[in-house]
């Protein structure tokens, strides 16, 4: 019902597009200029996703590096660094990985991310984040002690905390409603692409004497490319309206929408901004009251569940898991990251064809089942003896490897991209930057917990550790059953579907908004006063 009032209908013969996807139907009905504008938006979203690519690179290279013998020699100073059984102790290796998440949590704090997103803007935040990442990578590559490595990891984490907050937000605010899911999902696609490239780079470079340093330096080039390229990309029109720069916002929208659509969307943005102003300036208490605190709870729970269901156990500590099964860890980890990337690509189509909720639901089931098998089979055929896993059955080991891949694929097309899309689109403009920062901080809190506890859990519990992730996957499945669908809904209309889900009667408030802006009704075409200099017309005011 909401979608029909948001998406303009194409003038095509009745029934002629019945068998086509929504994306194909809308693209077929577009004019040549509209298609060119959509391609332009897609290019902007792809380029900004280099920030997500940096995220994936850092997350992907660290697992094999902490298992690399030369790293153990140059940084950890292990006496037996060249022996096959040599290991950095669990607490240290866990902290090397997880301190990155601490940096992300710090920069995702609303006090920090709110300043970047709302004061400096989405575009400038991307530029600063890329430069900070370059600094962190150089510090890590030049380190000669665990302490310096930790500092470099924390600096890189601070940059990714900003980038992982701003990239999906920037993409969702530029994309049209009918393409927003697919274009925002590029964030996760590029994260996984970064993980895959890092795995291949590790496989090629780690055999070299100083190869681990070269692997860490790889992200410097895309970081510099992102910084320079962002000079030529537009600012978010919603941020421009938030700063009172309506004329600039209209120019940006006219470059990526048709004329009527640009003016109509700008009116909706201004209306939403004025509605937020009517309730006063943004206060921290606004995040803890009314509809916002409920939406914030939804976003935080989603981001936490994305991590504690188990994906980082395989991305960051996959080599250790495969080694415990007496398998070729390097080959399987490279294959796993490649599978993650390939399985993420269909989400670009699925997320608009089937919706966010459907993907999350299918993914939750697909992650739960292999976790159950890994926990049961692992505890029966992979007992823990003196901190080491004893493999009693090669067939059981093969089954566990198959389950790892099944889990990763199920995550890749569903919870990986859909969670970021969902959290980037559900919050009101007035508090969007702060709320997205908080949900991103929750995501990195989950990363820190998983990265810090996984080595200890694997050492003490063996494959019994997956019994814990089974419980979280059950919670994820039940939570998704409650969520509403947001596919095709204009950002400024999200309050309507969530008010229904929360069981909260907002009829009076929505009625007032509908009276101020008839464009929320079906087939209503709001007018724009060309002489208003960025202000709404009398009808919409």
Protein backbone atom coordinates (compact mmCIF):
# COMPACT_ATOMS: atom_id res chain seq x y z
CA UNK A 1 0.00 0.00 0.00
CA UNK A 2 2.82 2.39 0.81
CA UNK A 3 4.80 1.41 -2.25
CA UNK A 4 2.04 2.46 -4.65
CA UNK A 5 2.15 5.95 -3.19
CA UNK A 6 5.92 6.17 -3.43
CA UNK A 7 6.93 4.73 -6.79
CA UNK A 8 5.62 6.43 -9.91
CA UNK A 9 3.82 4.09 -12.27
CA UNK A 10 5.22 3.48 -15.73
CA UNK A 11 2.90 3.94 -18.71
CA UNK A 12 3.10 0.43 -20.14
CA UNK A 13 0.45 -1.95 -21.42
CA UNK A 14 -1.36 -3.79 -18.69
CA UNK A 15 0.19 -7.16 -17.96
CA UNK A 16 3.16 -6.63 -20.27
CA UNK A 17 5.66 -6.72 -17.38
CA UNK A 18 4.03 -9.36 -15.23
CA UNK A 19 6.84 -11.86 -15.56
CA UNK A 20 9.66 -9.38 -15.09
CA UNK A 21 11.39 -8.30 -11.92
CA UNK A 22 10.55 -4.91 -10.36
CA UNK A 23 14.01 -3.64 -11.29
CA UNK A 24 13.73 -4.80 -14.91
CA UNK A 25 10.24 -3.37 -15.25
CA UNK A 26 11.19 0.03 -13.88
CA UNK A 27 14.39 0.18 -15.96
CA UNK A 28 12.53 -0.80 -19.14
CA UNK A 29 9.99 2.00 -18.59
CA UNK A 30 12.62 4.71 -18.06
CA UNK A 31 13.58 7.35 -20.57
CA UNK A 32 17.14 7.41 -21.85
CA UNK A 33 17.97 10.33 -19.54
CA UNK A 34 16.49 8.55 -16.53
CA UNK A 35 18.56 5.47 -17.28
CA UNK A 36 21.69 7.59 -17.55
CA UNK A 37 20.89 9.21 -14.19
CA UNK A 38 20.42 5.81 -12.54
CA UNK A 39 23.73 4.65 -13.99
CA UNK A 40 25.31 7.81 -12.57
CA UNK A 41 23.87 7.08 -9.11
CA UNK A 42 25.15 3.51 -9.36
CA UNK A 43 28.65 4.75 -10.24
CA UNK A 44 28.62 7.12 -7.26
CA UNK A 45 27.57 4.33 -4.92
CA UNK A 46 30.17 1.94 -6.34
CA UNK A 47 32.98 4.45 -5.96
CA UNK A 48 32.00 5.42 -2.39
CA UNK A 49 31.99 1.69 -1.58
CA UNK A 50 35.80 1.75 -1.85
CA UNK A 51 35.50 2.70 1.82
CA UNK A 52 33.81 -0.65 2.38
CA UNK A 53 36.55 -2.33 0.33
CA UNK A 54 39.13 -0.97 2.80
CA UNK A 55 37.05 -2.44 5.62
CA UNK A 56 37.19 -5.87 3.97
CA UNK A 57 40.90 -5.69 3.22
CA UNK A 58 41.79 -5.06 6.86
CA UNK A 59 39.40 -7.71 8.12
CA UNK A 60 40.66 -10.26 5.60
CA UNK A 61 44.44 -10.10 5.85
CA UNK A 62 44.88 -10.24 9.63
CA UNK A 63 43.87 -13.90 10.22
CA UNK A 64 46.59 -15.50 8.06
CA UNK A 65 49.16 -12.89 9.15
CA UNK A 66 48.97 -13.75 12.86
CA UNK A 67 49.56 -17.38 11.84
CA UNK A 68 52.52 -16.43 9.61
CA UNK A 69 55.92 -17.59 10.86
CA UNK A 70 57.72 -14.39 9.79
CA UNK A 71 55.21 -12.26 11.68
CA UNK A 72 55.81 -14.41 14.77
CA UNK A 73 59.53 -13.76 14.29
CA UNK A 74 59.42 -10.02 13.49
CA UNK A 75 56.63 -8.86 15.82
CA UNK A 76 55.85 -11.49 18.47
CA UNK A 77 59.54 -12.57 18.82
CA UNK A 78 58.68 -16.23 19.36
CA UNK A 79 61.74 -18.40 19.88
CA UNK A 80 60.18 -21.34 18.03
CA UNK A 81 58.69 -19.16 15.26
CA UNK A 82 59.79 -21.53 12.47
CA UNK A 83 58.27 -24.66 14.04
CA UNK A 84 54.86 -25.89 12.72
CA UNK A 85 53.23 -25.96 16.17
CA UNK A 86 54.34 -22.44 17.10
CA UNK A 87 51.47 -20.17 18.16
CA UNK A 88 51.02 -16.67 19.58
CA UNK A 89 49.11 -17.09 22.83
CA UNK A 90 45.32 -16.85 22.53
CA UNK A 91 44.95 -13.61 24.52
CA UNK A 92 47.55 -11.75 22.43
CA UNK A 93 46.35 -13.01 19.04
CA UNK A 94 42.77 -12.28 20.02
CA UNK A 95 43.63 -8.71 21.04
CA UNK A 96 45.65 -8.06 17.86
CA UNK A 97 42.51 -8.87 15.91
CA UNK A 98 39.94 -7.29 18.23
CA UNK A 99 41.72 -3.98 19.03
CA UNK A 100 40.73 -3.00 15.50
CA UNK A 101 37.10 -3.27 16.62
CA UNK A 102 37.86 -1.05 19.64
CA UNK A 103 38.98 1.69 17.26
CA UNK A 104 35.80 1.19 15.24
CA UNK A 105 33.67 1.41 18.38
CA UNK A 106 35.38 4.65 19.41
CA UNK A 107 34.83 6.44 16.09
CA UNK A 108 31.27 5.08 15.80
CA UNK A 109 30.32 6.67 19.14
CA UNK A 110 27.58 9.26 18.47
CA UNK A 111 29.74 12.04 19.92
CA UNK A 112 32.39 11.25 17.30
CA UNK A 113 30.38 9.93 14.36
CA UNK A 114 27.68 12.56 14.90
CA UNK A 115 30.29 15.29 14.52
CA UNK A 116 31.63 13.77 11.31
CA UNK A 117 28.29 12.90 9.72
CA UNK A 118 26.18 15.88 10.74
CA UNK A 119 28.75 18.67 11.04
CA UNK A 120 31.32 17.80 8.37
CA UNK A 121 28.95 15.83 6.19
CA UNK A 122 28.96 12.40 4.55
CA UNK A 123 31.38 13.37 1.75
CA UNK A 124 34.06 14.93 3.97
CA UNK A 125 33.77 12.02 6.43
CA UNK A 126 34.61 9.59 3.62
CA UNK A 127 37.68 11.64 2.73
CA UNK A 128 38.95 11.88 6.32
CA UNK A 129 38.27 8.19 6.94
CA UNK A 130 40.35 7.19 3.92
CA UNK A 131 43.35 9.26 5.04
CA UNK A 132 43.23 7.90 8.59
CA UNK A 133 43.15 4.38 7.18
CA UNK A 134 46.30 5.03 5.13
CA UNK A 135 48.09 6.21 8.29
CA UNK A 136 47.01 3.10 10.21
CA UNK A 137 48.16 0.77 7.43
CA UNK A 138 51.60 2.39 7.28
CA UNK A 139 52.04 2.11 11.07
CA UNK A 140 51.10 -1.60 10.98
CA UNK A 141 53.40 -2.38 8.07
CA UNK A 142 56.37 -0.61 9.73
CA UNK A 143 55.87 -2.12 13.21
CA UNK A 144 58.49 -4.23 14.96
CA UNK A 145 56.60 -5.02 18.18
CA UNK A 146 53.16 -6.10 19.28
CA UNK A 147 52.59 -2.71 20.96
CA UNK A 148 53.14 -0.75 17.72
CA UNK A 149 51.03 -3.26 15.82
CA UNK A 150 48.19 -2.66 18.27
CA UNK A 151 48.47 1.12 17.80
CA UNK A 152 48.31 0.74 14.02
CA UNK A 153 45.33 -1.61 14.29
CA UNK A 154 43.52 0.88 16.54
CA UNK A 155 44.15 3.77 14.10
CA UNK A 156 42.85 1.71 11.19
CA UNK A 157 39.87 0.74 13.30
CA UNK A 158 39.05 4.41 13.94
CA UNK A 159 38.92 5.01 10.19
CA UNK A 160 36.73 1.98 9.50
CA UNK A 161 34.35 3.01 12.28
CA UNK A 162 33.73 6.21 10.31
CA UNK A 163 33.68 4.56 6.88
CA UNK A 164 31.37 1.69 7.85
CA UNK A 165 28.94 4.26 9.27
CA UNK A 166 28.99 6.76 6.42
CA UNK A 167 29.18 4.54 3.30
CA UNK A 168 25.75 2.84 3.58
CA UNK A 169 24.23 6.11 4.82
CA UNK A 170 25.64 8.09 1.87
CA UNK A 171 24.49 5.40 -0.58
CA UNK A 172 20.96 5.16 0.83
CA UNK A 173 20.50 8.95 0.77
CA UNK A 174 21.51 9.26 -2.90
CA UNK A 175 19.76 6.16 -4.26
CA UNK A 176 16.14 6.29 -5.49
CA UNK A 177 13.69 4.17 -3.43
CA UNK A 178 13.30 1.43 -6.06
CA UNK A 179 17.08 0.90 -6.28
CA UNK A 180 18.10 1.80 -2.72
CA UNK A 181 18.37 -1.76 -1.44
CA UNK A 182 20.60 -2.98 -4.24
CA UNK A 183 22.84 0.09 -4.25
CA UNK A 184 23.21 0.14 -0.46
CA UNK A 185 23.99 -3.59 -0.55
CA UNK A 186 27.12 -2.63 -2.51
CA UNK A 187 28.60 -1.80 0.89
CA UNK A 188 28.61 -5.46 1.91
CA UNK A 189 29.60 -6.67 -1.56
CA UNK A 190 32.72 -4.51 -1.41
CA UNK A 191 33.47 -5.60 2.16
CA UNK A 192 33.48 -9.23 1.07
CA UNK A 193 35.40 -8.37 -2.11
CA UNK A 194 38.04 -6.78 0.12
CA UNK A 195 38.18 -9.91 2.28
CA UNK A 196 38.63 -12.05 -0.85
CA UNK A 197 41.39 -9.84 -2.29
CA UNK A 198 43.16 -9.86 1.09
CA UNK A 199 43.05 -13.66 1.19
CA UNK A 200 44.56 -13.94 -2.30
CA UNK A 201 47.19 -11.34 -1.42
CA UNK A 202 48.11 -13.25 1.74
CA UNK A 203 48.46 -16.47 -0.27
CA UNK A 204 50.81 -14.75 -2.73
CA UNK A 205 52.82 -12.54 -0.39
CA UNK A 206 53.16 -14.36 2.94
CA UNK A 207 55.69 -16.90 1.59
CA UNK A 208 58.05 -13.93 1.02
CA UNK A 209 60.44 -12.89 3.79
CA UNK A 210 58.72 -9.54 4.44
CA UNK A 211 55.51 -10.53 2.72
CA UNK A 212 53.24 -9.77 5.67
CA UNK A 213 54.31 -6.11 5.54
CA UNK A 214 53.49 -5.91 1.82
CA UNK A 215 50.07 -7.46 2.44
CA UNK A 216 49.26 -4.75 5.00
CA UNK A 217 50.39 -1.98 2.60
CA UNK A 218 48.02 -3.06 -0.20
CA UNK A 219 45.07 -0.94 1.13
CA UNK A 220 47.13 2.29 0.91
CA UNK A 221 46.48 2.67 -2.83
CA UNK A 222 42.65 2.34 -2.76
CA UNK A 223 42.63 4.60 0.31
CA UNK A 224 44.34 7.37 -1.64
CA UNK A 225 42.09 6.78 -4.66
CA UNK A 226 39.01 7.21 -2.45
CA UNK A 227 40.35 10.43 -0.94
CA UNK A 228 41.07 12.04 -4.33
CA UNK A 229 37.94 10.76 -6.04
CA UNK A 230 35.57 12.08 -3.37
CA UNK A 231 36.47 15.63 -4.43
CA UNK A 232 34.37 15.02 -7.56
CA UNK A 233 31.34 13.33 -5.95
CA UNK A 234 28.23 15.22 -4.74
CA UNK A 235 27.21 15.81 -1.16
CA UNK A 236 24.14 14.06 0.24
CA UNK A 237 21.01 16.11 -0.60
CA UNK A 238 19.52 15.21 2.76
CA UNK A 239 22.57 16.55 4.59
CA UNK A 240 22.39 19.73 2.50
CA UNK A 241 18.75 20.25 3.50
CA UNK A 242 19.70 19.57 7.10
CA UNK A 243 22.24 22.42 6.83
CA UNK A 244 19.72 24.77 5.20
CA UNK A 245 21.22 24.53 1.69
CA UNK A 246 18.07 23.62 -0.25
CA UNK A 247 19.25 25.10 -3.57
CA UNK A 248 22.36 22.91 -3.56
CA UNK A 249 20.23 19.91 -2.59
CA UNK A 250 17.92 20.54 -5.56
CA UNK A 251 20.88 20.75 -7.94
CA UNK A 252 22.22 17.43 -6.65
CA UNK A 253 18.82 15.78 -6.98
CA UNK A 254 18.30 17.16 -10.49
CA UNK A 255 21.60 15.59 -11.54
CA UNK A 256 20.46 12.12 -10.41
CA UNK A 257 16.63 12.29 -10.80
CA UNK A 258 14.24 13.57 -13.46
CA UNK A 259 12.99 17.12 -12.94
CA UNK A 260 9.61 16.28 -11.41
CA UNK A 261 11.06 13.53 -9.24
CA UNK A 262 13.84 15.81 -7.95
CA UNK A 263 11.39 18.53 -6.86
CA UNK A 264 8.97 16.05 -5.32
CA UNK A 265 11.70 14.29 -3.37
CA UNK A 266 13.13 17.59 -2.16
CA UNK A 267 9.71 18.57 -0.83
CA UNK A 268 9.51 15.31 1.09
CA UNK A 269 12.99 15.88 2.55
CA UNK A 270 12.18 19.47 3.55
CA UNK A 271 8.88 18.36 5.09
CA UNK A 272 10.68 15.70 7.13
CA UNK A 273 13.29 18.25 8.22
CA UNK A 274 10.62 20.79 9.23
CA UNK A 275 8.74 18.10 11.12
CA UNK A 276 11.92 17.34 13.04
CA UNK A 277 12.53 21.03 13.76
CA UNK A 278 8.98 21.39 15.09
CA UNK A 279 9.92 19.06 17.93
CA UNK A 280 12.95 21.22 18.83
CA UNK A 281 16.69 20.92 18.37
CA UNK A 282 18.27 17.49 18.54
CA UNK A 283 18.92 16.42 22.14
CA UNK A 284 20.50 13.24 23.46
CA UNK A 285 17.23 12.49 25.19
CA UNK A 286 15.59 12.19 21.76
CA UNK A 287 17.53 8.96 21.23
CA UNK A 288 16.02 7.44 24.36
CA UNK A 289 12.35 8.24 23.90
CA UNK A 290 9.38 7.60 21.64
CA UNK A 291 9.68 6.01 18.24
CA UNK A 292 13.42 6.69 17.96
CA UNK A 293 14.44 4.51 20.89
CA UNK A 294 12.39 1.63 19.45
CA UNK A 295 14.00 2.02 16.04
CA UNK A 296 17.40 2.26 17.71
CA UNK A 297 16.74 -1.00 19.56
CA UNK A 298 15.84 -2.68 16.26
CA UNK A 299 19.07 -1.47 14.60
CA UNK A 300 21.31 -2.38 17.55
CA UNK A 301 19.84 -5.88 17.89
CA UNK A 302 20.23 -6.49 14.14
CA UNK A 303 23.87 -5.40 14.10
CA UNK A 304 24.77 -7.41 17.19
CA UNK A 305 23.08 -10.53 15.83
CA UNK A 306 24.92 -10.12 12.52
CA UNK A 307 28.18 -10.74 14.38
CA UNK A 308 27.35 -13.12 17.23
CA UNK A 309 25.72 -15.61 14.86
CA UNK A 310 29.29 -16.62 13.97
CA UNK A 311 30.59 -15.13 10.71
CA UNK A 312 33.76 -13.59 12.20
CA UNK A 313 34.74 -16.92 13.74
CA UNK A 314 35.42 -18.05 10.17
CA UNK A 315 36.62 -14.81 8.58
CA UNK A 316 39.17 -13.96 11.31
CA UNK A 317 39.99 -17.41 12.70
CA UNK A 318 39.21 -19.70 9.77
CA UNK A 319 42.87 -20.77 9.38
CA UNK A 320 42.96 -21.93 13.01
CA UNK A 321 39.72 -23.92 12.58
CA UNK A 322 40.91 -25.59 9.36
CA UNK A 323 44.33 -26.35 10.87
CA UNK A 324 42.65 -28.10 13.79
CA UNK A 325 41.08 -30.46 11.23
CA UNK A 326 44.52 -31.23 9.72
CA UNK A 327 43.55 -29.56 6.42
CA UNK A 328 45.24 -27.05 4.11
CA UNK A 329 44.23 -23.90 6.01
CA UNK A 330 45.56 -21.37 3.49
CA UNK A 331 43.78 -22.95 0.53
CA UNK A 332 40.47 -23.40 2.33
CA UNK A 333 40.51 -19.86 3.73
CA UNK A 334 41.13 -18.44 0.26
CA UNK A 335 38.33 -20.61 -1.14
CA UNK A 336 36.01 -19.53 1.68
CA UNK A 337 36.54 -15.82 1.03
CA UNK A 338 35.97 -16.38 -2.70
CA UNK A 339 32.70 -18.18 -1.90
CA UNK A 340 31.68 -15.32 0.39
CA UNK A 341 32.20 -12.79 -2.39
CA UNK A 342 30.39 -14.77 -5.09
CA UNK A 343 27.46 -15.51 -2.77
CA UNK A 344 27.10 -11.82 -1.88
CA UNK A 345 26.55 -10.73 -5.49
CA UNK A 346 22.98 -12.12 -5.83
CA UNK A 347 21.93 -9.86 -2.94
CA UNK A 348 22.12 -6.89 -5.31
CA UNK A 349 19.10 -8.39 -7.12
CA UNK A 350 17.44 -10.37 -4.33
CA UNK A 351 17.18 -7.46 -1.90
CA UNK A 352 14.79 -5.56 -4.21
CA UNK A 353 13.15 -8.62 -5.76
CA UNK A 354 12.27 -10.40 -2.51
CA UNK A 355 12.80 -7.69 0.12
CA UNK A 356 14.96 -7.26 3.21
CA UNK A 357 12.87 -9.40 5.55
CA UNK A 358 12.73 -12.40 3.21
CA UNK A 359 16.50 -12.41 2.81
CA UNK A 360 17.07 -12.13 6.56
CA UNK A 361 14.62 -14.96 7.20
CA UNK A 362 16.14 -17.34 4.64
CA UNK A 363 19.62 -16.47 5.87
CA UNK A 364 18.72 -17.11 9.51
CA UNK A 365 17.51 -20.62 8.68
CA UNK A 366 20.54 -21.24 6.45
CA UNK A 367 22.92 -20.21 9.25
CA UNK A 368 21.13 -22.09 12.03
CA UNK A 369 21.20 -25.52 10.42
CA UNK A 370 24.99 -25.77 9.76
CA UNK A 371 25.71 -24.38 13.24
CA UNK A 372 23.68 -27.23 14.75
CA UNK A 373 25.53 -29.81 12.64
CA UNK A 374 28.97 -28.35 13.50
CA UNK A 375 28.18 -28.32 17.22
CA UNK A 376 26.83 -31.88 17.32
CA UNK A 377 29.34 -33.51 14.96
CA UNK A 378 32.24 -31.57 16.46
CA UNK A 379 31.51 -32.57 20.04
CA UNK A 380 31.12 -36.24 19.05
CA UNK A 381 33.98 -36.71 16.57
CA UNK A 382 36.35 -33.85 17.50
CA UNK A 383 37.00 -34.14 21.25
CA UNK A 384 39.23 -31.66 23.03
CA UNK A 385 42.41 -33.11 24.56
CA UNK A 386 44.87 -30.85 26.42
CA UNK A 387 43.85 -27.81 24.42
CA UNK A 388 44.18 -29.69 21.11
CA UNK A 389 41.39 -31.06 18.92
CA UNK A 390 41.63 -34.77 18.13
CA UNK A 391 40.08 -35.71 14.78
CA UNK A 392 38.39 -39.12 15.08
CA UNK A 393 36.77 -39.15 11.64
CA UNK A 394 37.91 -37.58 8.38
CA UNK A 395 34.34 -37.80 7.12
CA UNK A 396 33.16 -35.73 10.09
CA UNK A 397 35.90 -33.20 9.33
CA UNK A 398 34.70 -32.94 5.74
CA UNK A 399 31.12 -32.47 6.98
CA UNK A 400 32.23 -29.60 9.21
CA UNK A 401 34.06 -27.92 6.32
CA UNK A 402 30.92 -28.25 4.18
CA UNK A 403 28.89 -26.68 7.00
CA UNK A 404 31.35 -23.78 7.26
CA UNK A 405 30.86 -23.03 3.57
CA UNK A 406 27.08 -23.47 3.78
CA UNK A 407 26.95 -21.05 6.71
CA UNK A 408 29.16 -18.48 4.97
CA UNK A 409 27.08 -18.58 1.77
CA UNK A 410 23.84 -18.24 3.74
CA UNK A 411 25.25 -15.21 5.54
CA UNK A 412 26.69 -13.63 2.40
CA UNK A 413 23.45 -13.13 0.47
CA UNK A 414 21.31 -12.25 3.49
CA UNK A 415 22.52 -10.95 6.86
CA UNK A 416 25.69 -9.47 5.41
CA UNK A 417 24.09 -6.87 3.10
CA UNK A 418 20.50 -6.72 4.40
CA UNK A 419 21.48 -5.64 7.92
CA UNK A 420 23.42 -2.61 6.65
CA UNK A 421 20.62 -1.68 4.25
CA UNK A 422 17.97 -1.93 6.96
CA UNK A 423 19.88 0.15 9.49
CA UNK A 424 20.74 2.86 6.96
CA UNK A 425 17.12 3.52 6.00
CA UNK A 426 14.88 3.29 9.08
CA UNK A 427 15.84 6.41 11.10
CA UNK A 428 14.40 9.96 10.85
CA UNK A 429 16.69 12.54 9.22
CA UNK A 430 16.97 14.59 12.44
CA UNK A 431 18.76 11.79 14.31
CA UNK A 432 19.90 9.59 11.41
CA UNK A 433 23.63 10.24 11.77
CA UNK A 434 23.63 9.59 15.51
CA UNK A 435 21.45 6.48 15.26
CA UNK A 436 23.46 4.93 12.42
CA UNK A 437 26.58 5.64 14.47
CA UNK A 438 25.11 3.81 17.46
CA UNK A 439 24.05 0.79 15.41
CA UNK A 440 27.50 0.66 13.81
CA UNK A 441 29.09 0.85 17.26
CA UNK A 442 26.89 -2.11 18.27
CA UNK A 443 28.14 -4.02 15.24
CA UNK A 444 31.74 -3.37 16.21
CA UNK A 445 30.99 -4.30 19.80
CA UNK A 446 29.87 -7.67 18.44
CA UNK A 447 33.05 -7.93 16.35
CA UNK A 448 35.20 -7.18 19.40
CA UNK A 449 33.40 -9.75 21.56
CA UNK A 450 33.64 -12.46 18.91
CA UNK A 451 37.28 -11.76 18.02
CA UNK A 452 38.37 -11.58 21.65
CA UNK A 453 36.53 -14.70 22.83
CA UNK A 454 36.86 -17.00 19.80
CA UNK A 455 40.51 -18.10 20.40
CA UNK A 456 39.76 -18.82 24.05
CA UNK A 457 36.52 -20.64 23.24
CA UNK A 458 38.17 -22.78 20.57
CA UNK A 459 41.05 -23.63 22.93
CA UNK A 460 38.79 -24.55 25.86
CA UNK A 461 35.59 -25.83 24.19
CA UNK A 462 36.69 -26.99 20.75
CA UNK A 463 33.74 -27.32 18.40
CA UNK A 464 31.42 -27.11 21.39
CA UNK A 465 31.82 -23.34 20.89
CA UNK A 466 29.29 -23.59 18.06
CA UNK A 467 26.59 -24.53 20.55
CA UNK A 468 26.78 -20.89 21.65
CA UNK A 469 26.25 -19.61 18.11
CA UNK A 470 23.29 -21.99 17.71
CA UNK A 471 21.50 -20.11 20.50
CA UNK A 472 22.16 -16.73 18.86
CA UNK A 473 20.95 -18.01 15.49
CA UNK A 474 17.66 -19.09 17.07
CA UNK A 475 17.26 -15.57 18.50
CA UNK A 476 18.04 -14.09 15.06
CA UNK A 477 15.36 -16.23 13.42
CA UNK A 478 12.69 -15.24 15.94
CA UNK A 479 13.62 -11.55 15.70
CA UNK A 480 13.36 -11.49 11.90
CA UNK A 481 9.87 -12.97 12.04
CA UNK A 482 8.79 -9.77 13.84
CA UNK A 483 10.48 -7.23 11.53
CA UNK A 484 8.43 -5.24 8.97
CA UNK A 485 9.43 -5.04 5.30
CA UNK A 486 10.99 -1.75 4.12
CA UNK A 487 11.44 -2.52 0.41
CA UNK A 488 10.46 0.40 -1.84
CA UNK A 489 9.52 2.77 1.00
CA UNK A 490 10.72 6.37 0.80
CA UNK A 491 13.11 7.19 3.66
CA UNK A 492 10.73 9.90 4.89
CA UNK A 493 7.87 7.35 5.16
CA UNK A 494 9.56 4.72 7.34
CA UNK A 495 7.73 5.95 10.44
CA UNK A 496 4.42 4.68 9.05
CA UNK A 497 5.35 1.00 8.72
CA UNK A 498 7.14 0.93 12.06
CA UNK A 499 4.31 2.65 13.93
CA UNK A 500 2.07 -0.20 12.79
CA UNK A 501 4.61 -2.79 13.93
CA UNK A 502 5.16 -1.11 17.30
CA UNK A 503 1.40 -0.97 17.79
CA UNK A 504 1.65 2.75 18.38
CA UNK A 505 -1.20 5.01 17.22
CA UNK A 506 0.37 7.86 15.28
CA UNK A 507 -2.78 8.59 13.25
CA UNK A 508 -3.12 12.12 14.53
CA UNK A 509 0.47 13.01 13.79
CA UNK A 510 0.41 11.37 10.38
CA UNK A 511 -2.85 13.09 9.59
CA UNK A 512 -1.25 16.45 10.24
CA UNK A 513 1.66 15.55 8.00
CA UNK A 514 -0.70 14.32 5.29
CA UNK A 515 -2.58 17.62 5.41
CA UNK A 516 0.68 19.53 5.07
CA UNK A 517 1.90 17.30 2.22
CA UNK A 518 -0.73 15.71 -0.02
CA UNK A 519 2.09 13.99 -1.94
CA UNK A 520 1.94 11.12 0.52
CA UNK A 521 -1.38 10.13 -1.04
CA UNK A 522 -1.52 8.02 -4.18
CA UNK A 523 -1.40 9.77 -7.53
CA UNK A 524 -0.74 13.14 -5.94
CA UNK A 525 1.82 15.30 -7.72
CA UNK A 526 3.12 18.05 -5.42
CA UNK A 527 3.97 21.37 -6.96
CA UNK A 528 7.15 23.35 -6.59
CA UNK A 529 7.42 27.09 -6.55
CA UNK A 530 10.40 27.92 -8.75
CA UNK A 531 10.60 31.36 -7.16
CA UNK A 532 10.68 30.05 -3.61
CA UNK A 533 14.50 29.90 -3.44
CA UNK A 534 14.61 26.53 -1.75
CA UNK A 535 11.41 26.85 0.32
CA UNK A 536 8.34 24.72 -0.06
CA UNK A 537 5.29 25.95 -1.92
CA UNK A 538 2.19 27.27 -0.17
CA UNK A 539 0.38 24.00 -0.78
CA UNK A 540 3.04 21.86 0.91
CA UNK A 541 3.68 24.36 3.68
